[in-house]
C-alpha atoms as a PDB file:
ATOM      1  CA  UNK A   1     -16.778   7.422   2.136  1.00  0.00           C
ATOM      2  CA  UNK A   2     -14.465   7.038   5.412  1.00  0.00           C
ATOM      3  CA  UNK A   3     -13.334   3.784   4.460  1.00  0.00           C
ATOM      4  CA  UNK A   4     -12.132   5.044   1.143  1.00  0.00           C
ATOM      5  CA  UNK A   5      -8.721   6.759   0.767  1.00  0.00           C
ATOM      6  CA  UNK A   6      -8.520   8.248  -2.372  1.00  0.00           C
ATOM      7  CA  UNK A   7      -5.077   9.317  -3.760  1.00  0.00           C
ATOM      8  CA  UNK A   8      -4.235  10.740  -7.188  1.00  0.00           C
ATOM      9  CA  UNK A   9      -6.916   9.468  -9.787  1.00  0.00           C
ATOM     10  CA  UNK A  10     -10.204  11.789  -8.534  1.00  0.00           C
ATOM     11  CA  UNK A  11     -13.354  10.569  -8.853  1.00  0.00           C
ATOM     12  CA  UNK A  12     -15.335   7.605 -10.102  1.00  0.00           C
ATOM     13  CA  UNK A  13     -15.679   5.689 -13.908  1.00  0.00           C
ATOM     14  CA  UNK A  14     -19.031   3.583 -14.741  1.00  0.00           C
ATOM     15  CA  UNK A  15     -16.255   0.957 -15.905  1.00  0.00           C
ATOM     16  CA  UNK A  16     -12.908   0.090 -16.941  1.00  0.00           C
ATOM     17  CA  UNK A  17     -12.720   1.845 -20.445  1.00  0.00           C
ATOM     18  CA  UNK A  18      -9.821   0.145 -22.679  1.00  0.00           C
ATOM     19  CA  UNK A  19      -6.532   2.503 -22.332  1.00  0.00           C
ATOM     20  CA  UNK A  20      -5.343   4.785 -24.827  1.00  0.00           C
ATOM     21  CA  UNK A  21      -2.162   4.473 -24.280  1.00  0.00           C
ATOM     22  CA  UNK A  22       0.176   1.548 -21.964  1.00  0.00           C
ATOM     23  CA  UNK A  23       2.787   3.923 -20.434  1.00  0.00           C
ATOM     24  CA  UNK A  24       4.475   0.757 -18.684  1.00  0.00           C
ATOM     25  CA  UNK A  25       4.325  -2.676 -20.211  1.00  0.00           C
ATOM     26  CA  UNK A  26       3.008  -4.906 -17.169  1.00  0.00           C
ATOM     27  CA  UNK A  27       5.332  -7.843 -18.562  1.00  0.00           C
ATOM     28  CA  UNK A  28       8.290  -5.534 -17.441  1.00  0.00           C
ATOM     29  CA  UNK A  29       7.516  -5.729 -13.921  1.00  0.00           C
ATOM     30  CA  UNK A  30       9.533  -8.159 -12.315  1.00  0.00           C
ATOM     31  CA  UNK A  31       7.828  -9.394  -8.703  1.00  0.00           C
ATOM     32  CA  UNK A  32      11.097 -11.425  -7.290  1.00  0.00           C
ATOM     33  CA  UNK A  33      13.853  -9.999  -6.262  1.00  0.00           C
ATOM     34  CA  UNK A  34      16.657 -10.192  -9.244  1.00  0.00           C
ATOM     35  CA  UNK A  35      19.838 -10.185  -6.394  1.00  0.00           C
ATOM     36  CA  UNK A  36      19.754 -11.572  -2.658  1.00  0.00           C
ATOM     37  CA  UNK A  37      21.668  -9.277   0.210  1.00  0.00           C
ATOM     38  CA  UNK A  38      21.287  -8.835   3.772  1.00  0.00           C
ATOM     39  CA  UNK A  39      19.497  -5.772   4.813  1.00  0.00           C
ATOM     40  CA  UNK A  40      20.911  -2.320   3.653  1.00  0.00           C
ATOM     41  CA  UNK A  41      21.783   0.809   5.410  1.00  0.00           C
ATOM     42  CA  UNK A  42      19.637   2.706   8.602  1.00  0.00           C
ATOM     43  CA  UNK A  43      18.383   5.984   8.437  1.00  0.00           C
ATOM     44  CA  UNK A  44      19.718   8.979  10.313  1.00  0.00           C
ATOM     45  CA  UNK A  45      16.600  11.084  12.139  1.00  0.00           C
ATOM     46  CA  UNK A  46      16.665  14.325  11.177  1.00  0.00           C
ATOM     47  CA  UNK A  47      14.072  15.507  14.142  1.00  0.00           C
ATOM     48  CA  UNK A  48      10.878  13.855  14.931  1.00  0.00           C
ATOM     49  CA  UNK A  49      11.305  12.094  11.309  1.00  0.00           C
ATOM     50  CA  UNK A  50      10.786   8.390  12.176  1.00  0.00           C
ATOM     51  CA  UNK A  51       7.708   8.436  10.395  1.00  0.00           C
ATOM     52  CA  UNK A  52       9.249   9.165   6.976  1.00  0.00           C
ATOM     53  CA  UNK A  53      12.358   6.479   7.953  1.00  0.00           C
ATOM     54  CA  UNK A  54       9.948   4.003   8.827  1.00  0.00           C
ATOM     55  CA  UNK A  55       7.958   4.443   5.436  1.00  0.00           C
ATOM     56  CA  UNK A  56      10.930   4.529   3.408  1.00  0.00           C
ATOM     57  CA  UNK A  57      12.265   1.456   4.452  1.00  0.00           C
ATOM     58  CA  UNK A  58       9.020  -0.312   3.883  1.00  0.00           C
ATOM     59  CA  UNK A  59       8.906   0.955   0.488  1.00  0.00           C
ATOM     60  CA  UNK A  60      12.627   0.152  -0.244  1.00  0.00           C
ATOM     61  CA  UNK A  61      12.073  -3.694   0.333  1.00  0.00           C
ATOM     62  CA  UNK A  62       8.796  -3.707  -2.045  1.00  0.00           C
ATOM     63  CA  UNK A  63      10.630  -5.988  -4.470  1.00  0.00           C
ATOM     64  CA  UNK A  64       8.921  -4.995  -7.931  1.00  0.00           C
ATOM     65  CA  UNK A  65       9.197  -1.113  -6.737  1.00  0.00           C
ATOM     66  CA  UNK A  66      13.168  -1.906  -5.700  1.00  0.00           C
ATOM     67  CA  UNK A  67      13.964  -3.644  -9.243  1.00  0.00           C
ATOM     68  CA  UNK A  68      12.259  -1.015 -11.394  1.00  0.00           C
ATOM     69  CA  UNK A  69      14.449   1.860  -9.157  1.00  0.00           C
ATOM     70  CA  UNK A  70      17.806  -0.238  -9.134  1.00  0.00           C
ATOM     71  CA  UNK A  71      17.818  -0.264 -13.251  1.00  0.00           C
ATOM     72  CA  UNK A  72      17.767   3.450 -12.940  1.00  0.00           C
ATOM     73  CA  UNK A  73      15.324   3.308 -16.032  1.00  0.00           C
ATOM     74  CA  UNK A  74      13.331   6.351 -14.753  1.00  0.00           C
ATOM     75  CA  UNK A  75      16.361   8.302 -14.498  1.00  0.00           C
ATOM     76  CA  UNK A  76      17.784   7.530 -17.900  1.00  0.00           C
ATOM     77  CA  UNK A  77      14.942   9.089 -19.182  1.00  0.00           C
ATOM     78  CA  UNK A  78      13.047  11.675 -17.350  1.00  0.00           C
ATOM     79  CA  UNK A  79      13.098  15.041 -18.454  1.00  0.00           C
ATOM     80  CA  UNK A  80      11.700  17.079 -15.285  1.00  0.00           C
ATOM     81  CA  UNK A  81      13.907  19.586 -14.583  1.00  0.00           C
ATOM     82  CA  UNK A  82      12.137  20.529 -10.977  1.00  0.00           C
ATOM     83  CA  UNK A  83      11.095  18.163  -8.056  1.00  0.00           C
ATOM     84  CA  UNK A  84      10.819  14.818  -9.122  1.00  0.00           C
ATOM     85  CA  UNK A  85       9.936  12.039  -6.749  1.00  0.00           C
ATOM     86  CA  UNK A  86      10.495   8.840  -8.764  1.00  0.00           C
ATOM     87  CA  UNK A  87      14.219   9.915  -9.100  1.00  0.00           C
ATOM     88  CA  UNK A  88      14.385  10.754  -5.488  1.00  0.00           C
ATOM     89  CA  UNK A  89      13.038   7.238  -4.523  1.00  0.00           C
ATOM     90  CA  UNK A  90      15.616   5.927  -7.340  1.00  0.00           C
ATOM     91  CA  UNK A  91      18.481   7.676  -5.509  1.00  0.00           C
ATOM     92  CA  UNK A  92      17.200   6.629  -2.286  1.00  0.00           C
ATOM     93  CA  UNK A  93      17.082   3.013  -2.577  1.00  0.00           C
ATOM     94  CA  UNK A  94      20.171   2.540  -4.837  1.00  0.00           C
ATOM     95  CA  UNK A  95      22.173   4.210  -1.738  1.00  0.00           C
ATOM     96  CA  UNK A  96      20.342   2.156   0.882  1.00  0.00           C
ATOM     97  CA  UNK A  97      21.250  -1.065  -0.756  1.00  0.00           C
ATOM     98  CA  UNK A  98      24.457  -0.332  -1.742  1.00  0.00           C
ATOM     99  CA  UNK A  99      25.750   1.691   0.766  1.00  0.00           C
ATOM    100  CA  UNK A 100      28.834   0.737   2.727  1.00  0.00           C
ATOM    101  CA  UNK A 101      28.100   2.139   5.816  1.00  0.00           C
ATOM    102  CA  UNK A 102      25.686   1.356   8.551  1.00  0.00           C
ATOM    103  CA  UNK A 103      23.489   4.571   8.484  1.00  0.00           C
ATOM    104  CA  UNK A 104      22.532   7.356   5.500  1.00  0.00           C
ATOM    105  CA  UNK A 105      20.953  10.670   5.816  1.00  0.00           C
ATOM    106  CA  UNK A 106      17.589  10.660   3.960  1.00  0.00           C
ATOM    107  CA  UNK A 107      16.300  13.859   2.044  1.00  0.00           C
ATOM    108  CA  UNK A 108      13.665  15.394   3.776  1.00  0.00           C
ATOM    109  CA  UNK A 109      10.289  14.804   1.989  1.00  0.00           C
ATOM    110  CA  UNK A 110       6.812  16.871   3.005  1.00  0.00           C
ATOM    111  CA  UNK A 111       5.397  17.787   6.174  1.00  0.00           C
ATOM    112  CA  UNK A 112       2.873  15.219   7.340  1.00  0.00           C
ATOM    113  CA  UNK A 113       3.290  13.813  10.622  1.00  0.00           C
ATOM    114  CA  UNK A 114       1.815  10.772  10.568  1.00  0.00           C
ATOM    115  CA  UNK A 115       3.290   7.162   8.697  1.00  0.00           C
ATOM    116  CA  UNK A 116      -0.228   6.586   6.643  1.00  0.00           C
ATOM    117  CA  UNK A 117      -0.551  10.038   5.580  1.00  0.00           C
ATOM    118  CA  UNK A 118       3.059   9.988   4.200  1.00  0.00           C
ATOM    119  CA  UNK A 119       3.049   6.792   2.632  1.00  0.00           C
ATOM    120  CA  UNK A 120       0.112   8.399   0.413  1.00  0.00           C
ATOM    121  CA  UNK A 121       1.754  11.422  -0.024  1.00  0.00           C
ATOM    122  CA  UNK A 122       4.717   9.628  -1.350  1.00  0.00           C
ATOM    123  CA  UNK A 123       2.946   6.891  -3.589  1.00  0.00           C
ATOM    124  CA  UNK A 124       0.948   9.945  -5.041  1.00  0.00           C
ATOM    125  CA  UNK A 125       4.137  11.758  -5.724  1.00  0.00           C
ATOM    126  CA  UNK A 126       5.789   8.948  -7.426  1.00  0.00           C
ATOM    127  CA  UNK A 127       2.370   8.989  -9.654  1.00  0.00           C
ATOM    128  CA  UNK A 128       2.406  12.329 -10.318  1.00  0.00           C
ATOM    129  CA  UNK A 129       6.403  11.981 -11.375  1.00  0.00           C
ATOM    130  CA  UNK A 130       5.388   9.163 -13.924  1.00  0.00           C
ATOM    131  CA  UNK A 131       2.758  11.120 -15.494  1.00  0.00           C
ATOM    132  CA  UNK A 132       4.948  14.242 -15.943  1.00  0.00           C
ATOM    133  CA  UNK A 133       3.975  14.419 -19.540  1.00  0.00           C
ATOM    134  CA  UNK A 134       1.124  12.567 -19.756  1.00  0.00           C
ATOM    135  CA  UNK A 135      -1.456  14.123 -17.081  1.00  0.00           C
ATOM    136  CA  UNK A 136      -4.111  14.412 -20.409  1.00  0.00           C
ATOM    137  CA  UNK A 137      -4.610  10.820 -20.776  1.00  0.00           C
ATOM    138  CA  UNK A 138      -7.749   9.056 -19.513  1.00  0.00           C
ATOM    139  CA  UNK A 139      -7.953   7.208 -16.329  1.00  0.00           C
ATOM    140  CA  UNK A 140      -7.358   3.799 -17.717  1.00  0.00           C
ATOM    141  CA  UNK A 141      -4.060   5.124 -19.406  1.00  0.00           C
ATOM    142  CA  UNK A 142      -3.091   6.862 -16.268  1.00  0.00           C
ATOM    143  CA  UNK A 143      -3.417   3.742 -14.198  1.00  0.00           C
ATOM    144  CA  UNK A 144      -0.755   1.815 -16.964  1.00  0.00           C
ATOM    145  CA  UNK A 145       2.145   3.783 -14.993  1.00  0.00           C
ATOM    146  CA  UNK A 146       4.759   1.347 -13.232  1.00  0.00           C
ATOM    147  CA  UNK A 147       3.442   2.771  -9.984  1.00  0.00           C
ATOM    148  CA  UNK A 148      -0.305   2.261 -10.476  1.00  0.00           C
ATOM    149  CA  UNK A 149       0.508  -0.972 -11.915  1.00  0.00           C
ATOM    150  CA  UNK A 150       2.281  -2.040  -8.644  1.00  0.00           C
ATOM    151  CA  UNK A 151       0.539  -0.649  -6.054  1.00  0.00           C
ATOM    152  CA  UNK A 152      -2.894   0.333  -7.753  1.00  0.00           C
ATOM    153  CA  UNK A 153      -6.318  -1.344  -7.416  1.00  0.00           C
ATOM    154  CA  UNK A 154      -9.445  -0.704  -8.288  1.00  0.00           C
ATOM    155  CA  UNK A 155     -12.861  -0.523  -5.783  1.00  0.00           C
ATOM    156  CA  UNK A 156     -16.484  -0.739  -7.403  1.00  0.00           C
ATOM    157  CA  UNK A 157     -19.603   0.653  -5.605  1.00  0.00           C
ATOM    158  CA  UNK A 158     -21.843   2.694  -7.698  1.00  0.00           C
ATOM    159  CA  UNK A 159     -18.845   3.126 -10.107  1.00  0.00           C
ATOM    160  CA  UNK A 160     -14.786   1.946 -10.545  1.00  0.00           C
ATOM    161  CA  UNK A 161     -12.769   4.211  -8.396  1.00  0.00           C
ATOM    162  CA  UNK A 162      -8.658   3.530  -8.368  1.00  0.00           C
ATOM    163  CA  UNK A 163      -7.713   2.938  -4.871  1.00  0.00           C
ATOM    164  CA  UNK A 164      -3.974   2.173  -3.474  1.00  0.00           C
ATOM    165  CA  UNK A 165      -4.476   1.628   0.133  1.00  0.00           C
ATOM    166  CA  UNK A 166      -7.111  -0.022   1.959  1.00  0.00           C
ATOM    167  CA  UNK A 167      -8.314   1.677   5.223  1.00  0.00           C
ATOM    168  CA  UNK A 168      -9.274  -1.275   7.547  1.00  0.00           C
ATOM    169  CA  UNK A 169     -11.497  -0.885  10.580  1.00  0.00           C
ATOM    170  CA  UNK A 170      -9.926  -2.539  13.755  1.00  0.00           C
ATOM    171  CA  UNK A 171     -12.112  -2.204  16.595  1.00  0.00           C
ATOM    172  CA  UNK A 172     -14.687  -4.975  16.102  1.00  0.00           C
ATOM    173  CA  UNK A 173     -12.111  -7.138  13.483  1.00  0.00           C
ATOM    174  CA  UNK A 174     -10.331 -10.115  15.359  1.00  0.00           C
ATOM    175  CA  UNK A 175      -7.770 -10.416  12.419  1.00  0.00           C
ATOM    176  CA  UNK A 176      -6.514  -8.841   8.986  1.00  0.00           C
ATOM    177  CA  UNK A 177      -9.157 -11.191   7.164  1.00  0.00           C
ATOM    178  CA  UNK A 178     -12.192 -10.121   8.936  1.00  0.00           C
ATOM    179  CA  UNK A 179     -11.661  -6.783   8.442  1.00  0.00           C
ATOM    180  CA  UNK A 180     -11.271  -7.235   4.831  1.00  0.00           C
ATOM    181  CA  UNK A 181     -14.305  -9.540   4.839  1.00  0.00           C
ATOM    182  CA  UNK A 182     -15.910  -6.304   6.911  1.00  0.00           C
ATOM    183  CA  UNK A 183     -14.676  -3.685   4.294  1.00  0.00           C
ATOM    184  CA  UNK A 184     -16.865  -5.672   1.177  1.00  0.00           C
ATOM    185  CA  UNK A 185     -19.959  -6.603   3.442  1.00  0.00           C
ATOM    186  CA  UNK A 186     -23.013  -4.754   2.218  1.00  0.00           C
ATOM    187  CA  UNK A 187     -23.600  -1.394   4.415  1.00  0.00           C
ATOM    188  CA  UNK A 188     -27.374  -0.649   5.021  1.00  0.00           C
ATOM    189  CA  UNK A 189     -27.804   3.250   4.883  1.00  0.00           C
ATOM    190  CA  UNK A 190     -31.206   3.979   6.585  1.00  0.00           C
ATOM    191  CA  UNK A 191     -32.391   6.748   9.201  1.00  0.00           C
ATOM    192  CA  UNK A 192     -30.259   9.582   9.152  1.00  0.00           C
ATOM    193  CA  UNK A 193     -27.938   7.801   6.417  1.00  0.00           C
ATOM    194  CA  UNK A 194     -30.605   7.185   3.914  1.00  0.00           C
ATOM    195  CA  UNK A 195     -29.671   7.538   0.107  1.00  0.00           C
ATOM    196  CA  UNK A 196     -31.685  10.109  -1.753  1.00  0.00           C
ATOM    197  CA  UNK A 197     -33.019   8.533  -5.037  1.00  0.00           C
ATOM    198  CA  UNK A 198     -32.497  10.608  -7.905  1.00  0.00           C
ATOM    199  CA  UNK A 199     -35.857   9.388  -9.461  1.00  0.00           C
ATOM    200  CA  UNK A 200     -38.420  10.044  -6.999  1.00  0.00           C
ATOM    201  CA  UNK A 201     -36.074  12.918  -5.336  1.00  0.00           C
ATOM    202  CA  UNK A 202     -37.011  11.274  -1.812  1.00  0.00           C
ATOM    203  CA  UNK A 203     -34.759   9.690   0.729  1.00  0.00           C
ATOM    204  CA  UNK A 204     -35.046   5.904   0.795  1.00  0.00           C
ATOM    205  CA  UNK A 205     -33.144   3.218   2.649  1.00  0.00           C
ATOM    206  CA  UNK A 206     -30.581   1.571   0.374  1.00  0.00           C
ATOM    207  CA  UNK A 207     -27.549  -1.137   0.715  1.00  0.00           C
ATOM    208  CA  UNK A 208     -24.243   0.385  -0.057  1.00  0.00           C
ATOM    209  CA  UNK A 209     -21.311  -2.546  -0.502  1.00  0.00           C
ATOM    210  CA  UNK A 210     -18.018  -1.935  -1.796  1.00  0.00           C
ATOM    211  CA  UNK A 211     -15.973  -4.678  -3.594  1.00  0.00           C
ATOM    212  CA  UNK A 212     -12.524  -5.124  -5.336  1.00  0.00           C
ATOM    213  CA  UNK A 213     -12.386  -4.964  -9.135  1.00  0.00           C
ATOM    214  CA  UNK A 214      -8.993  -5.355  -9.936  1.00  0.00           C
ATOM    215  CA  UNK A 215      -6.542  -6.344  -7.277  1.00  0.00           C
ATOM    216  CA  UNK A 216      -2.988  -4.625  -6.639  1.00  0.00           C
ATOM    217  CA  UNK A 217       0.368  -6.657  -7.266  1.00  0.00           C
ATOM    218  CA  UNK A 218       1.378  -4.732  -3.922  1.00  0.00           C
ATOM    219  CA  UNK A 219      -1.501  -4.420  -1.331  1.00  0.00           C
ATOM    220  CA  UNK A 220      -1.026  -1.692   1.142  1.00  0.00           C
ATOM    221  CA  UNK A 221      -3.323  -1.990   4.329  1.00  0.00           C
ATOM    222  CA  UNK A 222      -4.028   0.649   7.028  1.00  0.00           C
ATOM    223  CA  UNK A 223      -5.570  -0.662  10.331  1.00  0.00           C
ATOM    224  CA  UNK A 224      -7.290   2.393  12.108  1.00  0.00           C
ATOM    225  CA  UNK A 225      -5.862   2.387  15.157  1.00  0.00           C
ATOM    226  CA  UNK A 226      -6.721   5.718  16.298  1.00  0.00           C
ATOM    227  CA  UNK A 227     -10.582   6.184  16.881  1.00  0.00           C
ATOM    228  CA  UNK A 228     -11.273   9.670  17.302  1.00  0.00           C
ATOM    229  CA  UNK A 229     -10.577  13.054  17.552  1.00  0.00           C
ATOM    230  CA  UNK A 230      -8.476  12.790  20.501  1.00  0.00           C
ATOM    231  CA  UNK A 231      -6.533  10.359  19.211  1.00  0.00           C
ATOM    232  CA  UNK A 232      -7.041   7.280  21.218  1.00  0.00           C
ATOM    233  CA  UNK A 233      -5.417   4.507  20.146  1.00  0.00           C
ATOM    234  CA  UNK A 234      -6.625   0.906  19.905  1.00  0.00           C
ATOM    235  CA  UNK A 235      -3.487  -1.430  21.026  1.00  0.00           C
ATOM    236  CA  UNK A 236      -5.042  -5.074  20.313  1.00  0.00           C
ATOM    237  CA  UNK A 237      -2.694  -7.427  17.909  1.00  0.00           C
ATOM    238  CA  UNK A 238      -4.310  -8.465  14.996  1.00  0.00           C
ATOM    239  CA  UNK A 239      -1.838 -10.320  13.150  1.00  0.00           C
ATOM    240  CA  UNK A 240      -2.322 -14.342  13.737  1.00  0.00           C
ATOM    241  CA  UNK A 241       0.896 -15.797  11.902  1.00  0.00           C
ATOM    242  CA  UNK A 242      -1.491 -17.812   9.257  1.00  0.00           C
ATOM    243  CA  UNK A 243      -2.463 -14.636   7.962  1.00  0.00           C
ATOM    244  CA  UNK A 244       0.631 -12.718   8.123  1.00  0.00           C
ATOM    245  CA  UNK A 245       2.919 -15.123   5.981  1.00  0.00           C
ATOM    246  CA  UNK A 246      -0.161 -15.637   3.257  1.00  0.00           C
ATOM    247  CA  UNK A 247      -3.217 -13.303   2.548  1.00  0.00           C
ATOM    248  CA  UNK A 248      -5.726 -14.954   0.840  1.00  0.00           C
ATOM    249  CA  UNK A 249      -8.180 -12.493  -1.293  1.00  0.00           C
ATOM    250  CA  UNK A 250     -11.531 -13.913  -2.833  1.00  0.00           C
ATOM    251  CA  UNK A 251     -11.541 -12.317  -6.287  1.00  0.00           C
ATOM    252  CA  UNK A 252     -15.305 -13.914  -6.731  1.00  0.00           C
ATOM    253  CA  UNK A 253     -16.282 -11.084  -4.148  1.00  0.00           C
ATOM    254  CA  UNK A 254     -16.054  -8.753  -7.100  1.00  0.00           C
ATOM    255  CA  UNK A 255     -15.300 -10.707 -10.374  1.00  0.00           C
ATOM    256  CA  UNK A 256     -16.438 -13.947  -9.679  1.00  0.00           C
ATOM    257  CA  UNK A 257     -13.845 -15.639 -10.830  1.00  0.00           C
ATOM    258  CA  UNK A 258     -13.849 -18.371  -8.188  1.00  0.00           C
ATOM    259  CA  UNK A 259      -9.775 -17.693  -7.840  1.00  0.00           C
ATOM    260  CA  UNK A 260      -7.839 -17.081  -4.727  1.00  0.00           C
ATOM    261  CA  UNK A 261      -5.391 -14.327  -4.382  1.00  0.00           C
ATOM    262  CA  UNK A 262      -2.110 -15.595  -2.650  1.00  0.00           C
ATOM    263  CA  UNK A 263      -0.224 -12.472  -1.166  1.00  0.00           C
ATOM    264  CA  UNK A 264       2.888 -13.007   1.013  1.00  0.00           C
ATOM    265  CA  UNK A 265       3.728 -10.649   3.816  1.00  0.00           C
ATOM    266  CA  UNK A 266       7.123  -8.684   3.662  1.00  0.00           C
ATOM    267  CA  UNK A 267       6.892  -5.500   5.836  1.00  0.00           C
ATOM    268  CA  UNK A 268       4.920  -3.982   8.503  1.00  0.00           C
ATOM    269  CA  UNK A 269       4.936  -0.466   9.952  1.00  0.00           C
ATOM    270  CA  UNK A 270       4.344  -0.153  13.606  1.00  0.00           C
ATOM    271  CA  UNK A 271       3.267   3.010  15.994  1.00  0.00           C
ATOM    272  CA  UNK A 272       4.696   2.658  19.618  1.00  0.00           C
ATOM    273  CA  UNK A 273       2.797   5.072  21.746  1.00  0.00           C
ATOM    274  CA  UNK A 274      -0.681   5.695  23.268  1.00  0.00           C
ATOM    275  CA  UNK A 275      -2.230   8.044  21.174  1.00  0.00           C
ATOM    276  CA  UNK A 276      -1.514   9.601  17.317  1.00  0.00           C
ATOM    277  CA  UNK A 277      -0.176  12.410  18.898  1.00  0.00           C
ATOM    278  CA  UNK A 278       2.869  10.975  20.760  1.00  0.00           C
ATOM    279  CA  UNK A 279       5.036   7.786  20.010  1.00  0.00           C
ATOM    280  CA  UNK A 280       7.150   7.097  17.398  1.00  0.00           C
ATOM    281  CA  UNK A 281       7.539   4.617  14.362  1.00  0.00           C
ATOM    282  CA  UNK A 282       9.512   1.927  13.393  1.00  0.00           C
ATOM    283  CA  UNK A 283       8.999  -1.094  10.940  1.00  0.00           C
ATOM    284  CA  UNK A 284      10.162  -4.742  10.307  1.00  0.00           C
ATOM    285  CA  UNK A 285      10.664  -5.728   6.574  1.00  0.00           C
ATOM    286  CA  UNK A 286      11.517  -9.201   4.905  1.00  0.00           C
ATOM    287  CA  UNK A 287      15.039  -8.100   3.043  1.00  0.00           C
ATOM    288  CA  UNK A 288      15.979  -9.922  -0.624  1.00  0.00           C
ATOM    289  CA  UNK A 289      17.666 -12.508   1.312  1.00  0.00           C
ATOM    290  CA  UNK A 290      14.355 -14.147   3.411  1.00  0.00           C
ATOM    291  CA  UNK A 291      15.534 -12.681   6.277  1.00  0.00           C
ATOM    292  CA  UNK A 292      13.512 -10.441   8.459  1.00  0.00           C
ATOM    293  CA  UNK A 293      15.180  -6.970  10.316  1.00  0.00           C
ATOM    294  CA  UNK A 294      13.918  -4.289  12.674  1.00  0.00           C
ATOM    295  CA  UNK A 295      14.540  -1.024  11.237  1.00  0.00           C
ATOM    296  CA  UNK A 296      14.170   1.716  13.737  1.00  0.00           C
ATOM    297  CA  UNK A 297      15.956   4.922  12.333  1.00  0.00           C
ATOM    298  CA  UNK A 298      19.656   4.289  12.575  1.00  0.00           C
ATOM    299  CA  UNK A 299      19.314   0.795  13.863  1.00  0.00           C
ATOM    300  CA  UNK A 300      19.105  -1.972  11.632  1.00  0.00           C
ATOM    301  CA  UNK A 301      18.879  -5.584  13.331  1.00  0.00           C
ATOM    302  CA  UNK A 302      17.963  -9.057  12.823  1.00  0.00           C
ATOM    303  CA  UNK A 303      14.690 -10.612  14.326  1.00  0.00           C
ATOM    304  CA  UNK A 304      12.893 -13.796  13.996  1.00  0.00           C
ATOM    305  CA  UNK A 305       9.236 -13.811  12.663  1.00  0.00           C
ATOM    306  CA  UNK A 306       7.692 -14.432  16.197  1.00  0.00           C
ATOM    307  CA  UNK A 307       8.709 -10.837  16.798  1.00  0.00           C
ATOM    308  CA  UNK A 308       7.391  -9.343  13.934  1.00  0.00           C
ATOM    309  CA  UNK A 309       3.901 -11.354  14.744  1.00  0.00           C
ATOM    310  CA  UNK A 310       3.746  -9.640  18.102  1.00  0.00           C
ATOM    311  CA  UNK A 311       3.734  -5.753  16.907  1.00  0.00           C
ATOM    312  CA  UNK A 312       0.708  -3.795  17.295  1.00  0.00           C
ATOM    313  CA  UNK A 313       1.016  -3.465  12.871  1.00  0.00           C
ATOM    314  CA  UNK A 314      -0.319   0.231  12.050  1.00  0.00           C
ATOM    315  CA  UNK A 315       0.609  -0.554   8.101  1.00  0.00           C
ATOM    316  CA  UNK A 316       1.091  -3.766   6.465  1.00  0.00           C
ATOM    317  CA  UNK A 317       2.631  -4.495   3.208  1.00  0.00           C
ATOM    318  CA  UNK A 318       1.764  -7.676   1.508  1.00  0.00           C
ATOM    319  CA  UNK A 319       3.118  -8.607  -2.351  1.00  0.00           C
ATOM    320  CA  UNK A 320       1.201 -11.071  -4.703  1.00  0.00           C
ATOM    321  CA  UNK A 321       2.748 -14.232  -4.949  1.00  0.00           C
ATOM    322  CA  UNK A 322       0.098 -16.232  -7.169  1.00  0.00           C
ATOM    323  CA  UNK A 323      -3.726 -17.130  -7.463  1.00  0.00           C
ATOM    324  CA  UNK A 324      -5.457 -20.665  -7.392  1.00  0.00           C
ATOM    325  CA  UNK A 325      -8.504 -21.092  -9.471  1.00  0.00           C
ATOM    326  CA  UNK A 326     -11.356 -23.226  -8.074  1.00  0.00           C
ATOM    327  CA  UNK A 327      -9.968 -26.190  -9.904  1.00  0.00           C
ATOM    328  CA  UNK A 328      -6.566 -26.100  -7.661  1.00  0.00           C
ATOM    329  CA  UNK A 329      -4.785 -24.849 -10.629  1.00  0.00           C
ATOM    330  CA  UNK A 330      -2.168 -22.006  -9.771  1.00  0.00           C
ATOM    331  CA  UNK A 331      -0.830 -19.317 -11.453  1.00  0.00           C
ATOM    332  CA  UNK A 332       2.204 -17.007 -10.752  1.00  0.00           C
ATOM    333  CA  UNK A 333       1.235 -13.150  -9.776  1.00  0.00           C
END
């Protein structure tokens, strides 16, 4: 289905089966920064690698991921002899945030030419690294890695599907919230899109709907700015201020709990140019000191939130901070 962006756990599940094994204790995930500092180093462009640099910077300022990588817990126990994306990201984040120079040279990773694809590739590779000795586990157990517990959610349609990145239609949406509402809105399957009934073996009209079965700690959203094979770009700004500071997702859409989830906006990756075949990428991130910075390869410059909110967002990053029940009670995420 064009709305889905499957990454590493393939196929659907009829339900959420109990885990055979928990690979990383969820209580060890620290959602808040453990140290406060200004933004770290910029990244040298190695030749048309602005898409790589922008994605790496957004991941570097993802607090629960950075906290884990700064602890160097993974490399202390890693037994992989060849390529390990977790070890590479651990070294990278430590170098960026501890560097005394203004810019460092990142290691070349992958051959993708789009930030969206590179983000998928990187998170996928980190998940595989966490499963290097546990790849035969059931899906529920695979979803207990540090990576899936930070970024992973589950969508439900006729089954339950693991999902790390939401692709949202931008053309008809006036805001990110409106695009999320469109994502879970029932879709009528009729005419050429009729559903084949498994009982009568006939093509019948049906309704299909995706709901969020389990919400992620870090929500990554891709706004589909490129609308056709020619790569023409939708240039409208889709980031009203109230929505960027706090994004509410109604859990009752899929779980009927009556809770509202509170997400705080902390990074945005921007594409500048008229189509997907031209232009460049840069990003804005909020560092652990609470201030915003524009990160454009080697350049790291402070900026205000007003500047951030005027951008044509391509990838948006939100971290869950709390949930609010229908009785007004608040709990930390």
